[in-house]
Amino acid sequence: QVQLVESGGGLVQAGDSLRLSCVSSEPTFSSYAMAWFRQAPGKEREFVTLISWRGRSTYYADSVEGRSTVSRDNAKNTVYLQMNSLKPEDTAIYYCAQKEKPYDAENYRSVLEYRYWGQGTQVTVSS
């Protein structure tokens, strides 16, 4: 059973920045694309960003494009999400997720494509 542990959330003001981290226990971490999703109260979980297994490809939701950067350090089994110019609408629980299959970065927007999920980290942005 793979465990994903997120950290780095918190309460910030609009315009601030945060860096989220997700550490994986996956022995072959470098074989899997990793994603960040978020879920606001009363809303469905939504895709934020994905990074391919070697970090060569990244994809972003329109809502965070240009304000966020996803990265990974395969030596540390860690994926990061740097979020800048935060807005109140970014308030949500942020989850990292591991793709079901290795070397696969297709259909990345669907939650069904991910086998393992972290417990989430709360990000709250005040106006």
Foldseek 3Di string as FASTA:
>chain_A
DKAKAKDWADEEAQQAKTKMKIAIPDPVQLQWKKFKWWDDPPGDIWGAKIAASPRPDMDGDPVQPPFWDWDDDVVRRMIMIIGGRDDQVVWTWMKMFIAPDTRDDPPVTDPVRTDDIHPTDTHGYHD
